[in-house]
Every structure is written in C-alpha cells, then in structure tokens.
Amino acid sequence: MKKQFYVYIMANRPHGTLYLGMTSNIQRRMQEHKSHTQPGFTDRYNVSLLVYIEFHETFDSAVIREKSLKKWKRTWKLGLIESQNPGWRDLTEDPDFPNF
C-alpha cells in the first residue's frame, strides 16, 4: 500500500484561530491534537476541529503545498475552507474519515 500525505487546516471554531499542518498519519495526528497531549499552539488555543484536508501522493508535494498555504492571507484560507466545508463541521466525525 502506497503511503499518503495530508495537508490539513484545523480551527477552534468557525472563523476562529487556524492551524495548518502536514502529516503522513492523519488519524494519529488528529488524536494528538484533540487529546492536547502535545504542548504547543493547538493546545494553547484549543484548536481541535479538522475543517479542511487535502491528500497528496508524495511527501514533496505535501510540503510544497503546506508552505504555499502558510503564505496565504487569512481571508484566502477562510475561502478555501468554506469552498469545501461551508458548515465548518469537524471532518474527523465523518464516517469515512480519512477516506472521503
């Protein structure tokens, strides 16, 4: 089975604090964020809603996309989220997570 990489955006509430990251193990990473076992930004600002996710076939493409999105203006990121997830629902609660 080929490894897959994920670029994701999390929020603490709709239009709230955003966190952008990249991982190869989305289930483990979401568990770390949601349990607040790792001190840092998401723990400090209670960022625990997965509101946007992209799939990438290579590590390099995921890193390039993550770096690109981090340079985006906040309004562009909000537009990206709302284009795919207008209700700002937590995508980890989707029954097909992470295979949607």
PDB file of N, CA and C in Angstrom:
ATOM      1  N   MET A   1       0.842  -1.183   0.000  1.00  0.00           N
ATOM      2  CA  MET A   1       0.000   0.000   0.000  1.00  0.00           C
ATOM      3  C   MET A   1       0.886   1.244   0.000  1.00  0.00           C
ATOM      4  N   LYS A   2       0.570   2.167  -0.888  1.00  0.00           N
ATOM      5  CA  LYS A   2       1.353   3.384  -1.039  1.00  0.00           C
ATOM      6  C   LYS A   2       1.023   4.374   0.073  1.00  0.00           C
ATOM      7  N   LYS A   3       2.050   5.010   0.603  1.00  0.00           N
ATOM      8  CA  LYS A   3       1.877   5.990   1.666  1.00  0.00           C
ATOM      9  C   LYS A   3       1.201   7.237   1.105  1.00  0.00           C
ATOM     10  N   GLN A   4       0.330   7.829   1.898  1.00  0.00           N
ATOM     11  CA  GLN A   4      -0.357   9.056   1.504  1.00  0.00           C
ATOM     12  C   GLN A   4      -0.024  10.146   2.520  1.00  0.00           C
ATOM     13  N   PHE A   5      -0.004  11.373   2.042  1.00  0.00           N
ATOM     14  CA  PHE A   5       0.324  12.517   2.878  1.00  0.00           C
ATOM     15  C   PHE A   5      -0.862  13.473   2.894  1.00  0.00           C
ATOM     16  N   TYR A   6      -1.007  14.197   3.976  1.00  0.00           N
ATOM     17  CA  TYR A   6      -2.161  15.059   4.180  1.00  0.00           C
ATOM     18  C   TYR A   6      -1.708  16.463   4.569  1.00  0.00           C
ATOM     19  N   VAL A   7      -2.332  17.450   3.953  1.00  0.00           N
ATOM     20  CA  VAL A   7      -2.203  18.838   4.370  1.00  0.00           C
ATOM     21  C   VAL A   7      -3.563  19.185   4.953  1.00  0.00           C
ATOM     22  N   TYR A   8      -3.579  19.783   6.135  1.00  0.00           N
ATOM     23  CA  TYR A   8      -4.851  19.999   6.816  1.00  0.00           C
ATOM     24  C   TYR A   8      -4.896  21.354   7.504  1.00  0.00           C
ATOM     25  N   ILE A   9      -6.131  21.813   7.709  1.00  0.00           N
ATOM     26  CA  ILE A   9      -6.355  23.037   8.475  1.00  0.00           C
ATOM     27  C   ILE A   9      -7.309  22.691   9.610  1.00  0.00           C
ATOM     28  N   MET A  10      -6.960  23.155  10.792  1.00  0.00           N
ATOM     29  CA  MET A  10      -7.797  22.975  11.968  1.00  0.00           C
ATOM     30  C   MET A  10      -8.214  24.348  12.481  1.00  0.00           C
ATOM     31  N   ALA A  11      -9.296  24.375  13.247  1.00  0.00           N
ATOM     32  CA  ALA A  11      -9.787  25.622  13.834  1.00  0.00           C
ATOM     33  C   ALA A  11     -10.326  25.339  15.232  1.00  0.00           C
ATOM     34  N   ASN A  12     -10.447  26.399  16.029  1.00  0.00           N
ATOM     35  CA  ASN A  12     -11.058  26.231  17.349  1.00  0.00           C
ATOM     36  C   ASN A  12     -12.561  26.498  17.295  1.00  0.00           C
ATOM     37  N   ARG A  13     -13.009  27.185  16.228  1.00  0.00           N
ATOM     38  CA  ARG A  13     -14.436  27.457  15.996  1.00  0.00           C
ATOM     39  C   ARG A  13     -14.540  28.049  14.593  1.00  0.00           C
ATOM     40  N   PRO A  14     -15.731  28.137  14.011  1.00  0.00           N
ATOM     41  CA  PRO A  14     -15.844  28.763  12.687  1.00  0.00           C
ATOM     42  C   PRO A  14     -15.267  30.178  12.686  1.00  0.00           C
ATOM     43  N   HIS A  15     -14.429  30.434  11.730  1.00  0.00           N
ATOM     44  CA  HIS A  15     -13.763  31.734  11.554  1.00  0.00           C
ATOM     45  C   HIS A  15     -12.841  32.097  12.714  1.00  0.00           C
ATOM     46  N   GLY A  16     -12.484  31.111  13.526  1.00  0.00           N
ATOM     47  CA  GLY A  16     -11.629  31.363  14.684  1.00  0.00           C
ATOM     48  C   GLY A  16     -10.160  31.182  14.362  1.00  0.00           C
ATOM     49  N   THR A  17      -9.417  30.772  15.364  1.00  0.00           N
ATOM     50  CA  THR A  17      -7.991  30.540  15.233  1.00  0.00           C
ATOM     51  C   THR A  17      -7.753  29.359  14.310  1.00  0.00           C
ATOM     52  N   LEU A  18      -6.802  29.510  13.380  1.00  0.00           N
ATOM     53  CA  LEU A  18      -6.492  28.452  12.420  1.00  0.00           C
ATOM     54  C   LEU A  18      -5.101  27.877  12.674  1.00  0.00           C
ATOM     55  N   TYR A  19      -4.974  26.588  12.364  1.00  0.00           N
ATOM     56  CA  TYR A  19      -3.683  25.904  12.414  1.00  0.00           C
ATOM     57  C   TYR A  19      -3.561  25.092  11.137  1.00  0.00           C
ATOM     58  N   LEU A  20      -2.429  25.182  10.469  1.00  0.00           N
ATOM     59  CA  LEU A  20      -2.194  24.465   9.224  1.00  0.00           C
ATOM     60  C   LEU A  20      -1.037  23.509   9.425  1.00  0.00           C
ATOM     61  N   GLY A  21      -1.212  22.256   9.020  1.00  0.00           N
ATOM     62  CA  GLY A  21      -0.158  21.277   9.208  1.00  0.00           C
ATOM     63  C   GLY A  21      -0.104  20.248   8.101  1.00  0.00           C
ATOM     64  N   MET A  22       0.875  19.329   8.203  1.00  0.00           N
ATOM     65  CA  MET A  22       1.066  18.255   7.244  1.00  0.00           C
ATOM     66  C   MET A  22       1.481  17.010   8.009  1.00  0.00           C
ATOM     67  N   THR A  23       0.981  15.845   7.564  1.00  0.00           N
ATOM     68  CA  THR A  23       1.311  14.589   8.226  1.00  0.00           C
ATOM     69  C   THR A  23       1.164  13.432   7.258  1.00  0.00           C
ATOM     70  N   SER A  24       1.746  12.301   7.606  1.00  0.00           N
ATOM     71  CA  SER A  24       1.528  11.074   6.835  1.00  0.00           C
ATOM     72  C   SER A  24       0.585  10.132   7.581  1.00  0.00           C
ATOM     73  N   ASN A  25       0.236  10.478   8.812  1.00  0.00           N
ATOM     74  CA  ASN A  25      -0.670   9.641   9.603  1.00  0.00           C
ATOM     75  C   ASN A  25      -1.742  10.548  10.217  1.00  0.00           C
ATOM     76  N   ILE A  26      -2.811  10.767   9.466  1.00  0.00           N
ATOM     77  CA  ILE A  26      -3.823  11.738   9.882  1.00  0.00           C
ATOM     78  C   ILE A  26      -4.563  11.298  11.144  1.00  0.00           C
ATOM     79  N   GLN A  27      -4.828   9.996  11.289  1.00  0.00           N
ATOM     80  CA  GLN A  27      -5.540   9.542  12.494  1.00  0.00           C
ATOM     81  C   GLN A  27      -4.724   9.819  13.756  1.00  0.00           C
ATOM     82  N   ARG A  28      -3.449   9.448  13.708  1.00  0.00           N
ATOM     83  CA  ARG A  28      -2.587   9.685  14.870  1.00  0.00           C
ATOM     84  C   ARG A  28      -2.463  11.178  15.163  1.00  0.00           C
ATOM     85  N   ARG A  29      -2.270  11.968  14.115  1.00  0.00           N
ATOM     86  CA  ARG A  29      -2.071  13.408  14.309  1.00  0.00           C
ATOM     87  C   ARG A  29      -3.309  14.077  14.889  1.00  0.00           C
ATOM     88  N   MET A  30      -4.490  13.671  14.416  1.00  0.00           N
ATOM     89  CA  MET A  30      -5.728  14.249  14.958  1.00  0.00           C
ATOM     90  C   MET A  30      -5.910  13.851  16.420  1.00  0.00           C
ATOM     91  N   GLN A  31      -5.550  12.620  16.759  1.00  0.00           N
ATOM     92  CA  GLN A  31      -5.633  12.178  18.150  1.00  0.00           C
ATOM     93  C   GLN A  31      -4.720  13.030  19.032  1.00  0.00           C
ATOM     94  N   GLU A  32      -3.531  13.327  18.544  1.00  0.00           N
ATOM     95  CA  GLU A  32      -2.597  14.172  19.306  1.00  0.00           C
ATOM     96  C   GLU A  32      -3.181  15.566  19.517  1.00  0.00           C
ATOM     97  N   HIS A  33      -3.738  16.148  18.451  1.00  0.00           N
ATOM     98  CA  HIS A  33      -4.321  17.487  18.572  1.00  0.00           C
ATOM     99  C   HIS A  33      -5.517  17.486  19.524  1.00  0.00           C
ATOM    100  N   LYS A  34      -6.416  16.531  19.345  1.00  0.00           N
ATOM    101  CA  LYS A  34      -7.662  16.523  20.114  1.00  0.00           C
ATOM    102  C   LYS A  34      -7.461  16.173  21.590  1.00  0.00           C
ATOM    103  N   SER A  35      -6.469  15.364  21.886  1.00  0.00           N
ATOM    104  CA  SER A  35      -6.223  14.984  23.285  1.00  0.00           C
ATOM    105  C   SER A  35      -5.373  16.020  24.022  1.00  0.00           C
ATOM    106  N   HIS A  36      -4.784  16.949  23.278  1.00  0.00           N
ATOM    107  CA  HIS A  36      -3.938  18.003  23.850  1.00  0.00           C
ATOM    108  C   HIS A  36      -2.770  17.430  24.661  1.00  0.00           C
ATOM    109  N   THR A  37      -2.266  16.269  24.217  1.00  0.00           N
ATOM    110  CA  THR A  37      -1.132  15.660  24.911  1.00  0.00           C
ATOM    111  C   THR A  37       0.194  16.303  24.527  1.00  0.00           C
ATOM    112  N   GLN A  38       0.213  16.985  23.374  1.00  0.00           N
ATOM    113  CA  GLN A  38       1.421  17.665  22.920  1.00  0.00           C
ATOM    114  C   GLN A  38       1.284  19.157  23.201  1.00  0.00           C
ATOM    115  N   PRO A  39       2.096  19.710  24.084  1.00  0.00           N
ATOM    116  CA  PRO A  39       2.000  21.144  24.336  1.00  0.00           C
ATOM    117  C   PRO A  39       2.374  21.925  23.080  1.00  0.00           C
ATOM    118  N   GLY A  40       1.722  23.044  22.887  1.00  0.00           N
ATOM    119  CA  GLY A  40       2.016  23.876  21.732  1.00  0.00           C
ATOM    120  C   GLY A  40       0.819  24.709  21.323  1.00  0.00           C
ATOM    121  N   PHE A  41       0.849  25.166  20.087  1.00  0.00           N
ATOM    122  CA  PHE A  41      -0.148  26.101  19.582  1.00  0.00           C
ATOM    123  C   PHE A  41      -1.568  25.557  19.685  1.00  0.00           C
ATOM    124  N   THR A  42      -1.807  24.334  19.177  1.00  0.00           N
ATOM    125  CA  THR A  42      -3.178  23.814  19.170  1.00  0.00           C
ATOM    126  C   THR A  42      -3.694  23.565  20.581  1.00  0.00           C
ATOM    127  N   ASP A  43      -2.819  23.201  21.473  1.00  0.00           N
ATOM    128  CA  ASP A  43      -3.215  23.016  22.872  1.00  0.00           C
ATOM    129  C   ASP A  43      -3.531  24.363  23.522  1.00  0.00           C
ATOM    130  N   ARG A  44      -2.665  25.328  23.327  1.00  0.00           N
ATOM    131  CA  ARG A  44      -2.829  26.655  23.941  1.00  0.00           C
ATOM    132  C   ARG A  44      -4.110  27.347  23.484  1.00  0.00           C
ATOM    133  N   TYR A  45      -4.455  27.212  22.190  1.00  0.00           N
ATOM    134  CA  TYR A  45      -5.628  27.904  21.643  1.00  0.00           C
ATOM    135  C   TYR A  45      -6.834  26.987  21.445  1.00  0.00           C
ATOM    136  N   ASN A  46      -6.776  25.765  21.992  1.00  0.00           N
ATOM    137  CA  ASN A  46      -7.858  24.793  21.932  1.00  0.00           C
ATOM    138  C   ASN A  46      -8.334  24.557  20.493  1.00  0.00           C
ATOM    139  N   VAL A  47      -7.392  24.402  19.601  1.00  0.00           N
ATOM    140  CA  VAL A  47      -7.687  24.135  18.192  1.00  0.00           C
ATOM    141  C   VAL A  47      -7.863  22.630  18.030  1.00  0.00           C
ATOM    142  N   SER A  48      -9.104  22.196  17.766  1.00  0.00           N
ATOM    143  CA  SER A  48      -9.354  20.755  17.707  1.00  0.00           C
ATOM    144  C   SER A  48     -10.328  20.321  16.609  1.00  0.00           C
ATOM    145  N   LEU A  49     -10.809  21.255  15.776  1.00  0.00           N
ATOM    146  CA  LEU A  49     -11.738  20.896  14.695  1.00  0.00           C
ATOM    147  C   LEU A  49     -10.979  20.781  13.381  1.00  0.00           C
ATOM    148  N   LEU A  50     -11.013  19.611  12.765  1.00  0.00           N
ATOM    149  CA  LEU A  50     -10.430  19.440  11.440  1.00  0.00           C
ATOM    150  C   LEU A  50     -11.436  19.977  10.431  1.00  0.00           C
ATOM    151  N   VAL A  51     -11.105  21.088   9.773  1.00  0.00           N
ATOM    152  CA  VAL A  51     -12.070  21.737   8.885  1.00  0.00           C
ATOM    153  C   VAL A  51     -11.698  21.664   7.413  1.00  0.00           C
ATOM    154  N   TYR A  52     -10.474  21.238   7.093  1.00  0.00           N
ATOM    155  CA  TYR A  52     -10.045  21.135   5.704  1.00  0.00           C
ATOM    156  C   TYR A  52      -8.939  20.101   5.605  1.00  0.00           C
ATOM    157  N   ILE A  53      -8.968  19.314   4.521  1.00  0.00           N
ATOM    158  CA  ILE A  53      -7.923  18.307   4.316  1.00  0.00           C
ATOM    159  C   ILE A  53      -7.690  18.108   2.829  1.00  0.00           C
ATOM    160  N   GLU A  54      -6.432  17.915   2.473  1.00  0.00           N
ATOM    161  CA  GLU A  54      -6.025  17.575   1.114  1.00  0.00           C
ATOM    162  C   GLU A  54      -5.154  16.332   1.167  1.00  0.00           C
ATOM    163  N   PHE A  55      -5.248  15.516   0.130  1.00  0.00           N
ATOM    164  CA  PHE A  55      -4.441  14.309   0.022  1.00  0.00           C
ATOM    165  C   PHE A  55      -3.333  14.528  -1.002  1.00  0.00           C
ATOM    166  N   HIS A  56      -2.144  14.025  -0.701  1.00  0.00           N
ATOM    167  CA  HIS A  56      -1.005  14.138  -1.608  1.00  0.00           C
ATOM    168  C   HIS A  56      -0.311  12.785  -1.692  1.00  0.00           C
ATOM    169  N   GLU A  57       0.160  12.467  -2.883  1.00  0.00           N
ATOM    170  CA  GLU A  57       0.817  11.182  -3.098  1.00  0.00           C
ATOM    171  C   GLU A  57       2.278  11.182  -2.697  1.00  0.00           C
ATOM    172  N   THR A  58       2.890  12.357  -2.641  1.00  0.00           N
ATOM    173  CA  THR A  58       4.307  12.417  -2.279  1.00  0.00           C
ATOM    174  C   THR A  58       4.541  13.394  -1.134  1.00  0.00           C
ATOM    175  N   PHE A  59       5.579  13.114  -0.391  1.00  0.00           N
ATOM    176  CA  PHE A  59       5.990  13.990   0.699  1.00  0.00           C
ATOM    177  C   PHE A  59       6.307  15.376   0.155  1.00  0.00           C
ATOM    178  N   ASP A  60       7.045  15.426  -0.942  1.00  0.00           N
ATOM    179  CA  ASP A  60       7.457  16.712  -1.511  1.00  0.00           C
ATOM    180  C   ASP A  60       6.270  17.569  -1.898  1.00  0.00           C
ATOM    181  N   SER A  61       5.257  16.984  -2.548  1.00  0.00           N
ATOM    182  CA  SER A  61       4.099  17.791  -2.958  1.00  0.00           C
ATOM    183  C   SER A  61       3.338  18.303  -1.735  1.00  0.00           C
ATOM    184  N   ALA A  62       3.264  17.504  -0.673  1.00  0.00           N
ATOM    185  CA  ALA A  62       2.582  17.934   0.550  1.00  0.00           C
ATOM    186  C   ALA A  62       3.330  19.084   1.217  1.00  0.00           C
ATOM    187  N   VAL A  63       4.637  18.988   1.284  1.00  0.00           N
ATOM    188  CA  VAL A  63       5.452  20.047   1.907  1.00  0.00           C
ATOM    189  C   VAL A  63       5.338  21.341   1.108  1.00  0.00           C
ATOM    190  N   ILE A  64       5.412  21.242  -0.211  1.00  0.00           N
ATOM    191  CA  ILE A  64       5.292  22.428  -1.055  1.00  0.00           C
ATOM    192  C   ILE A  64       3.933  23.090  -0.859  1.00  0.00           C
ATOM    193  N   ARG A  65       2.869  22.282  -0.828  1.00  0.00           N
ATOM    194  CA  ARG A  65       1.522  22.836  -0.644  1.00  0.00           C
ATOM    195  C   ARG A  65       1.375  23.454   0.744  1.00  0.00           C
ATOM    196  N   GLU A  66       1.882  22.793   1.772  1.00  0.00           N
ATOM    197  CA  GLU A  66       1.792  23.337   3.127  1.00  0.00           C
ATOM    198  C   GLU A  66       2.491  24.697   3.206  1.00  0.00           C
ATOM    199  N   LYS A  67       3.690  24.786   2.670  1.00  0.00           N
ATOM    200  CA  LYS A  67       4.436  26.049   2.703  1.00  0.00           C
ATOM    201  C   LYS A  67       3.714  27.131   1.916  1.00  0.00           C
ATOM    202  N   SER A  68       3.113  26.739   0.799  1.00  0.00           N
ATOM    203  CA  SER A  68       2.364  27.697  -0.015  1.00  0.00           C
ATOM    204  C   SER A  68       1.157  28.231   0.755  1.00  0.00           C
ATOM    205  N   LEU A  69       0.375  27.328   1.348  1.00  0.00           N
ATOM    206  CA  LEU A  69      -0.821  27.745   2.097  1.00  0.00           C
ATOM    207  C   LEU A  69      -0.461  28.611   3.299  1.00  0.00           C
ATOM    208  N   LYS A  70       0.656  28.343   3.932  1.00  0.00           N
ATOM    209  CA  LYS A  70       1.059  29.147   5.090  1.00  0.00           C
ATOM    210  C   LYS A  70       1.354  30.589   4.707  1.00  0.00           C
ATOM    211  N   LYS A  71       1.663  30.827   3.434  1.00  0.00           N
ATOM    212  CA  LYS A  71       1.930  32.191   2.957  1.00  0.00           C
ATOM    213  C   LYS A  71       0.642  32.914   2.552  1.00  0.00           C
ATOM    214  N   TRP A  72      -0.445  32.170   2.418  1.00  0.00           N
ATOM    215  CA  TRP A  72      -1.716  32.770   2.009  1.00  0.00           C
ATOM    216  C   TRP A  72      -2.230  33.734   3.061  1.00  0.00           C
ATOM    217  N   LYS A  73      -2.998  34.725   2.616  1.00  0.00           N
ATOM    218  CA  LYS A  73      -3.707  35.609   3.529  1.00  0.00           C
ATOM    219  C   LYS A  73      -4.792  34.816   4.240  1.00  0.00           C
ATOM    220  N   ARG A  74      -5.132  35.251   5.419  1.00  0.00           N
ATOM    221  CA  ARG A  74      -6.169  34.575   6.209  1.00  0.00           C
ATOM    222  C   ARG A  74      -7.493  34.485   5.440  1.00  0.00           C
ATOM    223  N   THR A  75      -7.871  35.543   4.761  1.00  0.00           N
ATOM    224  CA  THR A  75      -9.150  35.529   4.025  1.00  0.00           C
ATOM    225  C   THR A  75      -9.148  34.467   2.933  1.00  0.00           C
ATOM    226  N   TRP A  76      -8.010  34.226   2.315  1.00  0.00           N
ATOM    227  CA  TRP A  76      -7.925  33.185   1.292  1.00  0.00           C
ATOM    228  C   TRP A  76      -8.096  31.808   1.926  1.00  0.00           C
ATOM    229  N   LYS A  77      -7.495  31.616   3.102  1.00  0.00           N
ATOM    230  CA  LYS A  77      -7.638  30.328   3.802  1.00  0.00           C
ATOM    231  C   LYS A  77      -9.093  30.105   4.203  1.00  0.00           C
ATOM    232  N   LEU A  78      -9.747  31.156   4.693  1.00  0.00           N
ATOM    233  CA  LEU A  78     -11.163  31.030   5.056  1.00  0.00           C
ATOM    234  C   LEU A  78     -11.995  30.656   3.836  1.00  0.00           C
ATOM    235  N   GLY A  79     -11.703  31.260   2.704  1.00  0.00           N
ATOM    236  CA  GLY A  79     -12.410  30.934   1.469  1.00  0.00           C
ATOM    237  C   GLY A  79     -12.178  29.498   1.035  1.00  0.00           C
ATOM    238  N   LEU A  80     -10.959  29.010   1.186  1.00  0.00           N
ATOM    239  CA  LEU A  80     -10.631  27.625   0.855  1.00  0.00           C
ATOM    240  C   LEU A  80     -11.437  26.669   1.730  1.00  0.00           C
ATOM    241  N   ILE A  81     -11.463  26.936   3.021  1.00  0.00           N
ATOM    242  CA  ILE A  81     -12.232  26.096   3.944  1.00  0.00           C
ATOM    243  C   ILE A  81     -13.702  26.107   3.553  1.00  0.00           C
ATOM    244  N   GLU A  82     -14.257  27.292   3.362  1.00  0.00           N
ATOM    245  CA  GLU A  82     -15.691  27.395   3.089  1.00  0.00           C
ATOM    246  C   GLU A  82     -16.075  26.833   1.723  1.00  0.00           C
ATOM    247  N   SER A  83     -15.143  26.771   0.773  1.00  0.00           N
ATOM    248  CA  SER A  83     -15.454  26.175  -0.520  1.00  0.00           C
ATOM    249  C   SER A  83     -15.659  24.668  -0.408  1.00  0.00           C
ATOM    250  N   GLN A  84     -15.017  24.038   0.562  1.00  0.00           N
ATOM    251  CA  GLN A  84     -15.131  22.589   0.747  1.00  0.00           C
ATOM    252  C   GLN A  84     -15.984  22.199   1.958  1.00  0.00           C
ATOM    253  N   ASN A  85     -16.070  23.093   2.928  1.00  0.00           N
ATOM    254  CA  ASN A  85     -16.731  22.768   4.191  1.00  0.00           C
ATOM    255  C   ASN A  85     -17.468  24.011   4.708  1.00  0.00           C
ATOM    256  N   PRO A  86     -18.546  24.426   4.025  1.00  0.00           N
ATOM    257  CA  PRO A  86     -19.222  25.679   4.396  1.00  0.00           C
ATOM    258  C   PRO A  86     -19.801  25.675   5.809  1.00  0.00           C
ATOM    259  N   GLY A  87     -20.109  24.516   6.356  1.00  0.00           N
ATOM    260  CA  GLY A  87     -20.652  24.442   7.706  1.00  0.00           C
ATOM    261  C   GLY A  87     -19.601  24.335   8.794  1.00  0.00           C
ATOM    262  N   TRP A  88     -18.336  24.324   8.403  1.00  0.00           N
ATOM    263  CA  TRP A  88     -17.228  24.204   9.347  1.00  0.00           C
ATOM    264  C   TRP A  88     -17.392  22.980  10.255  1.00  0.00           C
ATOM    265  N   ARG A  89     -17.910  21.886   9.707  1.00  0.00           N
ATOM    266  CA  ARG A  89     -18.065  20.676  10.517  1.00  0.00           C
ATOM    267  C   ARG A  89     -16.700  20.028  10.749  1.00  0.00           C
ATOM    268  N   ASP A  90     -16.588  19.283  11.825  1.00  0.00           N
ATOM    269  CA  ASP A  90     -15.350  18.586  12.152  1.00  0.00           C
ATOM    270  C   ASP A  90     -15.270  17.347  11.259  1.00  0.00           C
ATOM    271  N   LEU A  91     -14.338  17.329  10.328  1.00  0.00           N
ATOM    272  CA  LEU A  91     -14.235  16.247   9.354  1.00  0.00           C
ATOM    273  C   LEU A  91     -13.839  14.917   9.975  1.00  0.00           C
ATOM    274  N   THR A  92     -13.300  14.934  11.192  1.00  0.00           N
ATOM    275  CA  THR A  92     -12.978  13.663  11.847  1.00  0.00           C
ATOM    276  C   THR A  92     -14.241  12.920  12.249  1.00  0.00           C
ATOM    277  N   GLU A  93     -15.374  13.608  12.283  1.00  0.00           N
ATOM    278  CA  GLU A  93     -16.636  12.961  12.632  1.00  0.00           C
ATOM    279  C   GLU A  93     -17.333  12.342  11.425  1.00  0.00           C
ATOM    280  N   ASP A  94     -16.774  12.532  10.232  1.00  0.00           N
ATOM    281  CA  ASP A  94     -17.309  11.920   9.027  1.00  0.00           C
ATOM    282  C   ASP A  94     -17.115  10.409   9.135  1.00  0.00           C
ATOM    283  N   PRO A  95     -18.140   9.610   8.829  1.00  0.00           N
ATOM    284  CA  PRO A  95     -17.994   8.153   8.957  1.00  0.00           C
ATOM    285  C   PRO A  95     -16.897   7.567   8.062  1.00  0.00           C
ATOM    286  N   ASP A  96     -16.516   8.255   7.001  1.00  0.00           N
ATOM    287  CA  ASP A  96     -15.493   7.757   6.095  1.00  0.00           C
ATOM    288  C   ASP A  96     -14.108   8.326   6.401  1.00  0.00           C
ATOM    289  N   PHE A  97     -13.960   9.064   7.493  1.00  0.00           N
ATOM    290  CA  PHE A  97     -12.669   9.649   7.826  1.00  0.00           C
ATOM    291  C   PHE A  97     -11.631   8.552   7.950  1.00  0.00           C
ATOM    292  N   PRO A  98     -10.476   8.659   7.338  1.00  0.00           N
ATOM    293  CA  PRO A  98      -9.977   9.732   6.489  1.00  0.00           C
ATOM    294  C   PRO A  98     -10.126   9.439   5.009  1.00  0.00           C
ATOM    295  N   ASN A  99     -11.009   8.563   4.639  1.00  0.00           N
ATOM    296  CA  ASN A  99     -11.107   8.126   3.237  1.00  0.00           C
ATOM    297  C   ASN A  99     -12.229   8.799   2.461  1.00  0.00           C
ATOM    298  N   PHE A 100     -12.505  10.072   2.726  1.00  0.00           N
ATOM    299  CA  PHE A 100     -13.576  10.717   1.968  1.00  0.00           C
ATOM    300  C   PHE A 100     -13.066  11.335   0.697  1.00  0.00           C
TER     301      PHE A 100
END
